Amino acid sequence: QLEEPSILVGDLNIAPLEEDVWDHKKLLKVVSHTPVEVEAMLKLMEAH
């Protein structure tokens, strides 16, 4: 629903991309890089 031009910053506590973590396979079940969190962040990004 956001219409005004915005800059969003902060500690979002999710590392979404494979190269956003030191070892993608080892962190797939670690909170901050799990598939459910990554999916939620991608939906968030797509919404605006």
All heavy atoms as atom14 arrays in JSON, in Angstrom:
{
  "sequence": "QLEEPSILVGDLNIAPLEEDVWDHKKLLKVVSHTPVEVEAMLKLMEAH",
  "atom14_mask": [
    [1, 1, 1, 1, 1, 1, 1, 1, 1, 0, 0, 0, 0, 0],
    [1, 1, 1, 1, 1, 1, 1, 1, 0, 0, 0, 0, 0, 0],
    [1, 1, 1, 1, 1, 1, 1, 1, 1, 0, 0, 0, 0, 0],
    [1, 1, 1, 1, 1, 1, 1, 1, 1, 0, 0, 0, 0, 0],
    [1, 1, 1, 1, 1, 1, 1, 0, 0, 0, 0, 0, 0, 0],
    [1, 1, 1, 1, 1, 1, 0, 0, 0, 0, 0, 0, 0, 0],
    [1, 1, 1, 1, 1, 1, 1, 1, 0, 0, 0, 0, 0, 0],
    [1, 1, 1, 1, 1, 1, 1, 1, 0, 0, 0, 0, 0, 0],
    [1, 1, 1, 1, 1, 1, 1, 0, 0, 0, 0, 0, 0, 0],
    [1, 1, 1, 1, 0, 0, 0, 0, 0, 0, 0, 0, 0, 0],
    [1, 1, 1, 1, 1, 1, 1, 1, 0, 0, 0, 0, 0, 0],
    [1, 1, 1, 1, 1, 1, 1, 1, 0, 0, 0, 0, 0, 0],
    [1, 1, 1, 1, 1, 1, 1, 1, 0, 0, 0, 0, 0, 0],
    [1, 1, 1, 1, 1, 1, 1, 1, 0, 0, 0, 0, 0, 0],
    [1, 1, 1, 1, 1, 0, 0, 0, 0, 0, 0, 0, 0, 0],
    [1, 1, 1, 1, 1, 1, 1, 0, 0, 0, 0, 0, 0, 0],
    [1, 1, 1, 1, 1, 1, 1, 1, 0, 0, 0, 0, 0, 0],
    [1, 1, 1, 1, 1, 1, 1, 1, 1, 0, 0, 0, 0, 0],
    [1, 1, 1, 1, 1, 1, 1, 1, 1, 0, 0, 0, 0, 0],
    [1, 1, 1, 1, 1, 1, 1, 1, 0, 0, 0, 0, 0, 0],
    [1, 1, 1, 1, 1, 1, 1, 0, 0, 0, 0, 0, 0, 0],
    [1, 1, 1, 1, 1, 1, 1, 1, 1, 1, 1, 1, 1, 1],
    [1, 1, 1, 1, 1, 1, 1, 1, 0, 0, 0, 0, 0, 0],
    [1, 1, 1, 1, 1, 1, 1, 1, 1, 1, 0, 0, 0, 0],
    [1, 1, 1, 1, 1, 1, 1, 1, 1, 0, 0, 0, 0, 0],
    [1, 1, 1, 1, 1, 1, 1, 1, 1, 0, 0, 0, 0, 0],
    [1, 1, 1, 1, 1, 1, 1, 1, 0, 0, 0, 0, 0, 0],
    [1, 1, 1, 1, 1, 1, 1, 1, 0, 0, 0, 0, 0, 0],
    [1, 1, 1, 1, 1, 1, 1, 1, 1, 0, 0, 0, 0, 0],
    [1, 1, 1, 1, 1, 1, 1, 0, 0, 0, 0, 0, 0, 0],
    [1, 1, 1, 1, 1, 1, 1, 0, 0, 0, 0, 0, 0, 0],
    [1, 1, 1, 1, 1, 1, 0, 0, 0, 0, 0, 0, 0, 0],
    [1, 1, 1, 1, 1, 1, 1, 1, 1, 1, 0, 0, 0, 0],
    [1, 1, 1, 1, 1, 1, 1, 0, 0, 0, 0, 0, 0, 0],
    [1, 1, 1, 1, 1, 1, 1, 0, 0, 0, 0, 0, 0, 0],
    [1, 1, 1, 1, 1, 1, 1, 0, 0, 0, 0, 0, 0, 0],
    [1, 1, 1, 1, 1, 1, 1, 1, 1, 0, 0, 0, 0, 0],
    [1, 1, 1, 1, 1, 1, 1, 0, 0, 0, 0, 0, 0, 0],
    [1, 1, 1, 1, 1, 1, 1, 1, 1, 0, 0, 0, 0, 0],
    [1, 1, 1, 1, 1, 0, 0, 0, 0, 0, 0, 0, 0, 0],
    [1, 1, 1, 1, 1, 1, 1, 1, 0, 0, 0, 0, 0, 0],
    [1, 1, 1, 1, 1, 1, 1, 1, 0, 0, 0, 0, 0, 0],
    [1, 1, 1, 1, 1, 1, 1, 1, 1, 0, 0, 0, 0, 0],
    [1, 1, 1, 1, 1, 1, 1, 1, 0, 0, 0, 0, 0, 0],
    [1, 1, 1, 1, 1, 1, 1, 1, 0, 0, 0, 0, 0, 0],
    [1, 1, 1, 1, 1, 1, 1, 1, 1, 0, 0, 0, 0, 0],
    [1, 1, 1, 1, 1, 0, 0, 0, 0, 0, 0, 0, 0, 0],
    [1, 1, 1, 1, 1, 1, 1, 1, 1, 1, 0, 0, 0, 0]
  ],
  "atom14_positions": [
    [[0.81, -1.22, 0.0], [0.0, 0.0, 0.0], [0.84, 1.28, 0.0], [0.3, 2.38, -0.08], [-0.92, 0.0, 1.22], [-1.87, -1.19, 1.26], [-2.61, -1.28, 2.58], [-2.89, -0.29, 3.23], [-2.94, -2.51, 2.98], [0.0, 0.0, 0.0], [0.0, 0.0, 0.0], [0.0, 0.0, 0.0], [0.0, 0.0, 0.0], [0.0, 0.0, 0.0]],
    [[2.15, 1.12, 0.08], [3.04, 2.27, 0.19], [3.13, 3.01, -1.15], [3.44, 2.41, -2.18], [4.43, 1.8, 0.63], [5.45, 2.85, 1.04], [4.99, 3.63, 2.27], [6.8, 2.19, 1.33], [0.0, 0.0, 0.0], [0.0, 0.0, 0.0], [0.0, 0.0, 0.0], [0.0, 0.0, 0.0], [0.0, 0.0, 0.0], [0.0, 0.0, 0.0]],
    [[2.88, 4.3, -1.11], [2.91, 5.1, -2.34], [4.04, 6.11, -2.37], [4.57, 6.42, -3.43], [1.56, 5.82, -2.53], [0.39, 4.86, -2.75], [-0.93, 5.6, -2.96], [-0.95, 6.84, -2.81], [-1.94, 4.93, -3.28], [0.0, 0.0, 0.0], [0.0, 0.0, 0.0], [0.0, 0.0, 0.0], [0.0, 0.0, 0.0], [0.0, 0.0, 0.0]],
    [[4.41, 6.65, -1.22], [5.42, 7.71, -1.21], [6.82, 7.13, -1.42], [7.13, 6.01, -0.97], [5.37, 8.45, 0.13], [5.79, 7.58, 1.31], [5.19, 8.04, 2.63], [3.97, 8.21, 2.7], [5.97, 8.23, 3.56], [0.0, 0.0, 0.0], [0.0, 0.0, 0.0], [0.0, 0.0, 0.0], [0.0, 0.0, 0.0], [0.0, 0.0, 0.0]],
    [[7.69, 7.85, -2.12], [9.07, 7.39, -2.32], [9.76, 7.18, -0.96], [9.71, 8.05, -0.09], [9.72, 8.54, -3.09], [8.58, 9.26, -3.74], [7.44, 9.13, -2.8], [0.0, 0.0, 0.0], [0.0, 0.0, 0.0], [0.0, 0.0, 0.0], [0.0, 0.0, 0.0], [0.0, 0.0, 0.0], [0.0, 0.0, 0.0], [0.0, 0.0, 0.0]],
    [[10.36, 6.02, -0.8], [10.89, 5.65, 0.52], [12.23, 4.96, 0.41], [12.54, 4.29, -0.58], [9.9, 4.73, 1.25], [8.65, 5.35, 1.42], [0.0, 0.0, 0.0], [0.0, 0.0, 0.0], [0.0, 0.0, 0.0], [0.0, 0.0, 0.0], [0.0, 0.0, 0.0], [0.0, 0.0, 0.0], [0.0, 0.0, 0.0], [0.0, 0.0, 0.0]],
    [[13.0, 5.11, 1.47], [14.24, 4.36, 1.67], [14.02, 3.52, 2.91], [13.66, 4.04, 3.97], [15.45, 5.3, 1.85], [15.65, 6.19, 0.63], [16.72, 4.48, 2.12], [16.68, 7.3, 0.84], [0.0, 0.0, 0.0], [0.0, 0.0, 0.0], [0.0, 0.0, 0.0], [0.0, 0.0, 0.0], [0.0, 0.0, 0.0], [0.0, 0.0, 0.0]],
    [[14.22, 2.21, 2.79], [14.04, 1.29, 3.91], [15.41, 0.74, 4.28], [16.12, 0.2, 3.43], [13.08, 0.17, 3.51], [12.62, -0.84, 4.58], [11.32, -1.52, 4.14], [13.67, -1.91, 4.88], [0.0, 0.0, 0.0], [0.0, 0.0, 0.0], [0.0, 0.0, 0.0], [0.0, 0.0, 0.0], [0.0, 0.0, 0.0], [0.0, 0.0, 0.0]],
    [[15.77, 0.89, 5.55], [17.08, 0.41, 6.0], [16.92, -0.34, 7.32], [15.88, -0.24, 7.98], [18.09, 1.57, 6.21], [18.17, 2.44, 4.98], [17.72, 2.41, 7.43], [0.0, 0.0, 0.0], [0.0, 0.0, 0.0], [0.0, 0.0, 0.0], [0.0, 0.0, 0.0], [0.0, 0.0, 0.0], [0.0, 0.0, 0.0], [0.0, 0.0, 0.0]],
    [[17.96, -1.07, 7.68], [18.0, -1.63, 9.01], [18.48, -3.06, 9.07], [18.89, -3.66, 8.07], [0.0, 0.0, 0.0], [0.0, 0.0, 0.0], [0.0, 0.0, 0.0], [0.0, 0.0, 0.0], [0.0, 0.0, 0.0], [0.0, 0.0, 0.0], [0.0, 0.0, 0.0], [0.0, 0.0, 0.0], [0.0, 0.0, 0.0], [0.0, 0.0, 0.0]],
    [[18.43, -3.58, 10.28], [18.76, -4.98, 10.53], [17.49, -5.78, 10.3], [16.61, -5.82, 11.17], [19.28, -5.14, 11.96], [19.59, -6.58, 12.32], [19.47, -7.45, 11.43], [19.95, -6.84, 13.48], [0.0, 0.0, 0.0], [0.0, 0.0, 0.0], [0.0, 0.0, 0.0], [0.0, 0.0, 0.0], [0.0, 0.0, 0.0], [0.0, 0.0, 0.0]],
    [[17.4, -6.42, 9.14], [16.21, -7.18, 8.79], [16.34, -8.65, 9.18], [15.42, -9.43, 9.01], [15.9, -7.05, 7.29], [15.75, -5.61, 6.78], [15.28, -5.62, 5.32], [14.82, -4.78, 7.65], [0.0, 0.0, 0.0], [0.0, 0.0, 0.0], [0.0, 0.0, 0.0], [0.0, 0.0, 0.0], [0.0, 0.0, 0.0], [0.0, 0.0, 0.0]],
    [[17.51, -9.02, 9.7], [17.75, -10.35, 10.27], [17.47, -11.51, 9.31], [17.14, -12.61, 9.74], [16.95, -10.53, 11.57], [17.79, -10.22, 12.79], [18.92, -10.69, 12.91], [17.26, -9.4, 13.69], [0.0, 0.0, 0.0], [0.0, 0.0, 0.0], [0.0, 0.0, 0.0], [0.0, 0.0, 0.0], [0.0, 0.0, 0.0], [0.0, 0.0, 0.0]],
    [[17.63, -11.24, 8.01], [17.56, -12.29, 7.0], [18.66, -12.05, 5.97], [18.86, -10.91, 5.52], [16.19, -12.31, 6.28], [15.06, -12.62, 7.27], [16.18, -13.35, 5.16], [13.68, -12.51, 6.67], [0.0, 0.0, 0.0], [0.0, 0.0, 0.0], [0.0, 0.0, 0.0], [0.0, 0.0, 0.0], [0.0, 0.0, 0.0], [0.0, 0.0, 0.0]],
    [[19.37, -13.11, 5.64], [20.36, -13.09, 4.57], [19.75, -13.88, 3.41], [19.78, -15.11, 3.4], [21.67, -13.72, 5.03], [0.0, 0.0, 0.0], [0.0, 0.0, 0.0], [0.0, 0.0, 0.0], [0.0, 0.0, 0.0], [0.0, 0.0, 0.0], [0.0, 0.0, 0.0], [0.0, 0.0, 0.0], [0.0, 0.0, 0.0], [0.0, 0.0, 0.0]],
    [[19.17, -13.21, 2.41], [18.32, -13.91, 1.44], [19.05, -14.69, 0.35], [18.56, -15.73, -0.09], [17.49, -12.79, 0.83], [18.35, -11.56, 0.96], [19.09, -11.75, 2.25], [0.0, 0.0, 0.0], [0.0, 0.0, 0.0], [0.0, 0.0, 0.0], [0.0, 0.0, 0.0], [0.0, 0.0, 0.0], [0.0, 0.0, 0.0], [0.0, 0.0, 0.0]],
    [[20.2, -14.21, -0.09], [20.87, -14.82, -1.23], [21.92, -15.85, -0.79], [22.44, -15.78, 0.32], [21.52, -13.76, -2.1], [20.6, -12.65, -2.63], [21.41, -11.63, -3.4], [19.5, -13.24, -3.5], [0.0, 0.0, 0.0], [0.0, 0.0, 0.0], [0.0, 0.0, 0.0], [0.0, 0.0, 0.0], [0.0, 0.0, 0.0], [0.0, 0.0, 0.0]],
    [[22.25, -16.76, -1.69], [23.26, -17.78, -1.36], [24.6, -17.15, -0.99], [25.29, -17.65, -0.1], [23.43, -18.75, -2.53], [22.23, -19.65, -2.76], [22.5, -20.75, -3.78], [23.68, -20.98, -4.1], [21.53, -21.39, -4.24], [0.0, 0.0, 0.0], [0.0, 0.0, 0.0], [0.0, 0.0, 0.0], [0.0, 0.0, 0.0], [0.0, 0.0, 0.0]],
    [[24.94, -16.06, -1.66], [26.23, -15.42, -1.4], [26.15, -14.38, -0.28], [27.08, -13.63, -0.04], [26.78, -14.79, -2.68], [27.02, -15.78, -3.8], [27.96, -16.92, -3.41], [28.94, -16.67, -2.71], [27.7, -18.07, -3.81], [0.0, 0.0, 0.0], [0.0, 0.0, 0.0], [0.0, 0.0, 0.0], [0.0, 0.0, 0.0], [0.0, 0.0, 0.0]],
    [[24.98, -14.33, 0.41], [24.83, -13.47, 1.59], [25.25, -14.19, 2.86], [25.15, -13.63, 3.95], [23.36, -13.02, 1.74], [22.96, -11.98, 0.71], [23.85, -11.3, 0.15], [21.74, -11.83, 0.47], [0.0, 0.0, 0.0], [0.0, 0.0, 0.0], [0.0, 0.0, 0.0], [0.0, 0.0, 0.0], [0.0, 0.0, 0.0], [0.0, 0.0, 0.0]],
    [[25.66, -15.45, 2.73], [26.11, -16.22, 3.89], [27.41, -16.96, 3.53], [27.7, -17.18, 2.36], [25.06, -17.25, 4.36], [23.8, -16.55, 4.86], [24.7, -18.23, 3.24], [0.0, 0.0, 0.0], [0.0, 0.0, 0.0], [0.0, 0.0, 0.0], [0.0, 0.0, 0.0], [0.0, 0.0, 0.0], [0.0, 0.0, 0.0], [0.0, 0.0, 0.0]],
    [[28.14, -17.34, 4.55], [29.45, -17.96, 4.31], [29.33, -19.36, 3.75], [30.21, -19.82, 3.04], [30.28, -17.96, 5.6], [29.74, -18.8, 6.71], [28.8, -18.44, 7.64], [30.11, -20.14, 7.03], [28.54, -19.47, 8.51], [29.34, -20.54, 8.17], [31.0, -21.06, 6.49], [29.46, -21.79, 8.76], [31.11, -22.32, 7.07], [30.35, -22.67, 8.19]],
    [[28.22, -20.06, 4.03], [28.02, -21.4, 3.49], [26.52, -21.65, 3.35], [25.83, -21.92, 4.35], [28.66, -22.46, 4.39], [28.72, -23.84, 3.73], [27.69, -24.26, 3.16], [29.79, -24.48, 3.79], [0.0, 0.0, 0.0], [0.0, 0.0, 0.0], [0.0, 0.0, 0.0], [0.0, 0.0, 0.0], [0.0, 0.0, 0.0], [0.0, 0.0, 0.0]],
    [[26.03, -21.55, 2.13], [24.59, -21.67, 1.87], [24.03, -23.0, 2.36], [23.01, -23.04, 3.06], [24.35, -21.51, 0.36], [22.99, -21.9, -0.09], [21.85, -21.26, 0.34], [22.58, -22.88, -0.95], [20.79, -21.83, -0.23], [21.21, -22.8, -1.01], [0.0, 0.0, 0.0], [0.0, 0.0, 0.0], [0.0, 0.0, 0.0], [0.0, 0.0, 0.0]],
    [[24.67, -24.11, 2.04], [24.13, -25.43, 2.41], [24.13, -25.65, 3.92], [23.17, -26.21, 4.47], [24.94, -26.53, 1.71], [24.73, -26.58, 0.2], [25.48, -27.74, -0.43], [25.22, -27.79, -1.94], [25.97, -28.89, -2.59], [0.0, 0.0, 0.0], [0.0, 0.0, 0.0], [0.0, 0.0, 0.0], [0.0, 0.0, 0.0], [0.0, 0.0, 0.0]],
    [[25.17, -25.18, 4.59], [25.26, -25.39, 6.04], [24.26, -24.51, 6.8], [23.9, -24.85, 7.94], [26.68, -25.11, 6.52], [27.68, -26.18, 6.14], [29.05, -25.89, 6.73], [30.05, -27.0, 6.35], [31.4, -26.73, 6.86], [0.0, 0.0, 0.0], [0.0, 0.0, 0.0], [0.0, 0.0, 0.0], [0.0, 0.0, 0.0], [0.0, 0.0, 0.0]],
    [[23.82, -23.43, 6.2], [22.94, -22.5, 6.91], [21.47, -22.6, 6.5], [20.65, -21.83, 6.99], [23.43, -21.05, 6.73], [24.44, -20.59, 7.79], [25.76, -21.32, 7.65], [24.65, -19.09, 7.73], [0.0, 0.0, 0.0], [0.0, 0.0, 0.0], [0.0, 0.0, 0.0], [0.0, 0.0, 0.0], [0.0, 0.0, 0.0], [0.0, 0.0, 0.0]],
    [[21.13, -23.55, 5.66], [19.75, -23.69, 5.2], [18.76, -23.96, 6.33], [17.58, -23.63, 6.22], [19.64, -24.81, 4.15], [20.0, -24.42, 2.72], [20.02, -25.66, 1.82], [19.01, -23.39, 2.17], [0.0, 0.0, 0.0], [0.0, 0.0, 0.0], [0.0, 0.0, 0.0], [0.0, 0.0, 0.0], [0.0, 0.0, 0.0], [0.0, 0.0, 0.0]],
    [[19.24, -24.54, 7.42], [18.37, -24.82, 8.55], [18.67, -23.91, 9.74], [18.2, -24.17, 10.86], [18.51, -26.3, 8.97], [18.01, -27.27, 7.91], [18.11, -28.71, 8.38], [17.6, -29.67, 7.29], [17.7, -31.1, 7.74], [0.0, 0.0, 0.0], [0.0, 0.0, 0.0], [0.0, 0.0, 0.0], [0.0, 0.0, 0.0], [0.0, 0.0, 0.0]],
    [[19.45, -22.86, 9.48], [19.8, -21.9, 10.53], [18.96, -20.64, 10.35], [18.89, -20.08, 9.25], [21.31, -21.56, 10.47], [21.65, -20.47, 11.47], [22.15, -22.81, 10.72], [0.0, 0.0, 0.0], [0.0, 0.0, 0.0], [0.0, 0.0, 0.0], [0.0, 0.0, 0.0], [0.0, 0.0, 0.0], [0.0, 0.0, 0.0], [0.0, 0.0, 0.0]],
    [[18.32, -20.21, 11.44], [17.46, -19.03, 11.38], [18.24, -17.83, 10.84], [19.37, -17.57, 11.27], [16.89, -18.71, 12.77], [16.15, -17.37, 12.76], [15.94, -19.82, 13.22], [0.0, 0.0, 0.0], [0.0, 0.0, 0.0], [0.0, 0.0, 0.0], [0.0, 0.0, 0.0], [0.0, 0.0, 0.0], [0.0, 0.0, 0.0], [0.0, 0.0, 0.0]],
    [[17.64, -17.16, 9.87], [18.15, -16.01, 9.1], [18.39, -16.39, 7.64], [18.46, -15.51, 6.78], [19.44, -15.37, 9.66], [20.59, -16.14, 9.35], [0.0, 0.0, 0.0], [0.0, 0.0, 0.0], [0.0, 0.0, 0.0], [0.0, 0.0, 0.0], [0.0, 0.0, 0.0], [0.0, 0.0, 0.0], [0.0, 0.0, 0.0], [0.0, 0.0, 0.0]],
    [[18.5, -17.71, 7.35], [18.75, -18.12, 5.96], [17.87, -19.3, 5.55], [18.12, -19.94, 4.54], [20.23, -18.46, 5.78], [20.67, -18.63, 4.35], [20.59, -17.63, 3.42], [21.18, -19.71, 3.7], [21.04, -18.07, 2.25], [21.4, -19.33, 2.4], [0.0, 0.0, 0.0], [0.0, 0.0, 0.0], [0.0, 0.0, 0.0], [0.0, 0.0, 0.0]],
    [[16.85, -19.59, 6.32], [15.98, -20.73, 5.98], [15.08, -20.38, 4.79], [14.77, -19.21, 4.56], [15.09, -21.12, 7.18], [14.18, -20.04, 7.45], [15.92, -21.41, 8.41], [0.0, 0.0, 0.0], [0.0, 0.0, 0.0], [0.0, 0.0, 0.0], [0.0, 0.0, 0.0], [0.0, 0.0, 0.0], [0.0, 0.0, 0.0], [0.0, 0.0, 0.0]],
    [[14.67, -21.36, 4.03], [13.82, -21.1, 2.86], [12.54, -20.34, 3.19], [12.11, -19.47, 2.41], [13.52, -22.5, 2.33], [14.7, -23.31, 2.73], [15.1, -22.78, 4.07], [0.0, 0.0, 0.0], [0.0, 0.0, 0.0], [0.0, 0.0, 0.0], [0.0, 0.0, 0.0], [0.0, 0.0, 0.0], [0.0, 0.0, 0.0], [0.0, 0.0, 0.0]],
    [[11.92, -20.62, 4.33], [10.67, -19.93, 4.67], [10.91, -18.44, 4.9], [10.1, -17.59, 4.5], [9.99, -20.58, 5.89], [10.82, -20.45, 7.16], [8.6, -19.98, 6.1], [0.0, 0.0, 0.0], [0.0, 0.0, 0.0], [0.0, 0.0, 0.0], [0.0, 0.0, 0.0], [0.0, 0.0, 0.0], [0.0, 0.0, 0.0], [0.0, 0.0, 0.0]],
    [[12.04, -18.08, 5.52], [12.37, -16.67, 5.73], [12.72, -15.98, 4.42], [12.3, -14.84, 4.17], [13.54, -16.54, 6.7], [13.25, -16.97, 8.11], [14.53, -17.08, 8.92], [15.2, -18.13, 8.84], [14.86, -16.1, 9.61], [0.0, 0.0, 0.0], [0.0, 0.0, 0.0], [0.0, 0.0, 0.0], [0.0, 0.0, 0.0], [0.0, 0.0, 0.0]],
    [[13.5, -16.66, 3.6], [13.89, -16.09, 2.31], [12.65, -15.84, 1.45], [12.51, -14.78, 0.82], [14.9, -17.0, 1.59], [15.12, -16.53, 0.16], [16.22, -17.04, 2.36], [0.0, 0.0, 0.0], [0.0, 0.0, 0.0], [0.0, 0.0, 0.0], [0.0, 0.0, 0.0], [0.0, 0.0, 0.0], [0.0, 0.0, 0.0], [0.0, 0.0, 0.0]],
    [[11.73, -16.79, 1.45], [10.5, -16.64, 0.68], [9.69, -15.45, 1.2], [9.14, -14.66, 0.41], [9.66, -17.91, 0.76], [8.38, -17.86, -0.07], [7.54, -19.12, 0.04], [7.98, -20.07, 0.71], [6.45, -19.14, -0.56], [0.0, 0.0, 0.0], [0.0, 0.0, 0.0], [0.0, 0.0, 0.0], [0.0, 0.0, 0.0], [0.0, 0.0, 0.0]],
    [[9.63, -15.31, 2.52], [8.89, -14.19, 3.12], [9.52, -12.85, 2.74], [8.81, -11.88, 2.44], [8.84, -14.35, 4.64], [0.0, 0.0, 0.0], [0.0, 0.0, 0.0], [0.0, 0.0, 0.0], [0.0, 0.0, 0.0], [0.0, 0.0, 0.0], [0.0, 0.0, 0.0], [0.0, 0.0, 0.0], [0.0, 0.0, 0.0], [0.0, 0.0, 0.0]],
    [[10.85, -12.8, 2.72], [11.52, -11.55, 2.34], [11.3, -11.24, 0.86], [11.08, -10.07, 0.5], [13.01, -11.61, 2.64], [13.76, -10.37, 2.19], [15.49, -10.29, 2.71], [15.32, -9.47, 4.3], [0.0, 0.0, 0.0], [0.0, 0.0, 0.0], [0.0, 0.0, 0.0], [0.0, 0.0, 0.0], [0.0, 0.0, 0.0], [0.0, 0.0, 0.0]],
    [[11.34, -12.24, 0.01], [11.11, -12.0, -1.42], [9.7, -11.48, -1.67], [9.49, -10.59, -2.5], [11.37, -13.28, -2.22], [12.83, -13.75, -2.25], [12.96, -15.05, -3.01], [13.75, -12.68, -2.85], [0.0, 0.0, 0.0], [0.0, 0.0, 0.0], [0.0, 0.0, 0.0], [0.0, 0.0, 0.0], [0.0, 0.0, 0.0], [0.0, 0.0, 0.0]],
    [[8.72, -12.01, -0.94], [7.34, -11.5, -1.05], [7.27, -10.05, -0.59], [6.56, -9.24, -1.19], [6.39, -12.37, -0.23], [6.08, -13.73, -0.84], [5.1, -14.5, 0.02], [4.75, -15.85, -0.6], [3.82, -16.63, 0.27], [0.0, 0.0, 0.0], [0.0, 0.0, 0.0], [0.0, 0.0, 0.0], [0.0, 0.0, 0.0], [0.0, 0.0, 0.0]],
    [[7.98, -9.76, 0.48], [8.04, -8.39, 0.99], [8.63, -7.45, -0.05], [8.08, -6.37, -0.31], [8.87, -8.37, 2.28], [9.38, -7.02, 2.79], [8.23, -6.05, 3.03], [10.2, -7.22, 4.07], [0.0, 0.0, 0.0], [0.0, 0.0, 0.0], [0.0, 0.0, 0.0], [0.0, 0.0, 0.0], [0.0, 0.0, 0.0], [0.0, 0.0, 0.0]],
    [[9.71, -7.84, -0.68], [10.36, -6.99, -1.68], [9.45, -6.8, -2.9], [9.34, -5.68, -3.43], [11.7, -7.59, -2.1], [12.72, -7.64, -0.98], [14.38, -8.12, -1.54], [14.94, -6.58, -2.26], [0.0, 0.0, 0.0], [0.0, 0.0, 0.0], [0.0, 0.0, 0.0], [0.0, 0.0, 0.0], [0.0, 0.0, 0.0], [0.0, 0.0, 0.0]],
    [[8.79, -7.86, -3.3], [7.91, -7.79, -4.48], [6.7, -6.88, -4.24], [6.19, -6.27, -5.17], [7.44, -9.2, -4.86], [8.54, -10.07, -5.45], [8.12, -11.52, -5.59], [6.96, -11.83, -5.23], [8.95, -12.35, -6.02], [0.0, 0.0, 0.0], [0.0, 0.0, 0.0], [0.0, 0.0, 0.0], [0.0, 0.0, 0.0], [0.0, 0.0, 0.0]],
    [[6.26, -6.79, -2.99], [5.04, -6.05, -2.68], [5.14, -4.57, -3.03], [4.13, -3.92, -3.33], [4.7, -6.21, -1.2], [0.0, 0.0, 0.0], [0.0, 0.0, 0.0], [0.0, 0.0, 0.0], [0.0, 0.0, 0.0], [0.0, 0.0, 0.0], [0.0, 0.0, 0.0], [0.0, 0.0, 0.0], [0.0, 0.0, 0.0], [0.0, 0.0, 0.0]],
    [[6.35, -4.02, -2.98], [6.55, -2.6, -3.32], [7.59, -2.46, -4.43], [7.99, -1.34, -4.77], [7.0, -1.83, -2.07], [7.2, -0.37, -2.26], [6.17, 0.51, -2.58], [8.32, 0.42, -2.17], [6.65, 1.74, -2.69], [7.95, 1.71, -2.44], [0.0, 0.0, 0.0], [0.0, 0.0, 0.0], [0.0, 0.0, 0.0], [0.0, 0.0, 0.0]]
  ]
}
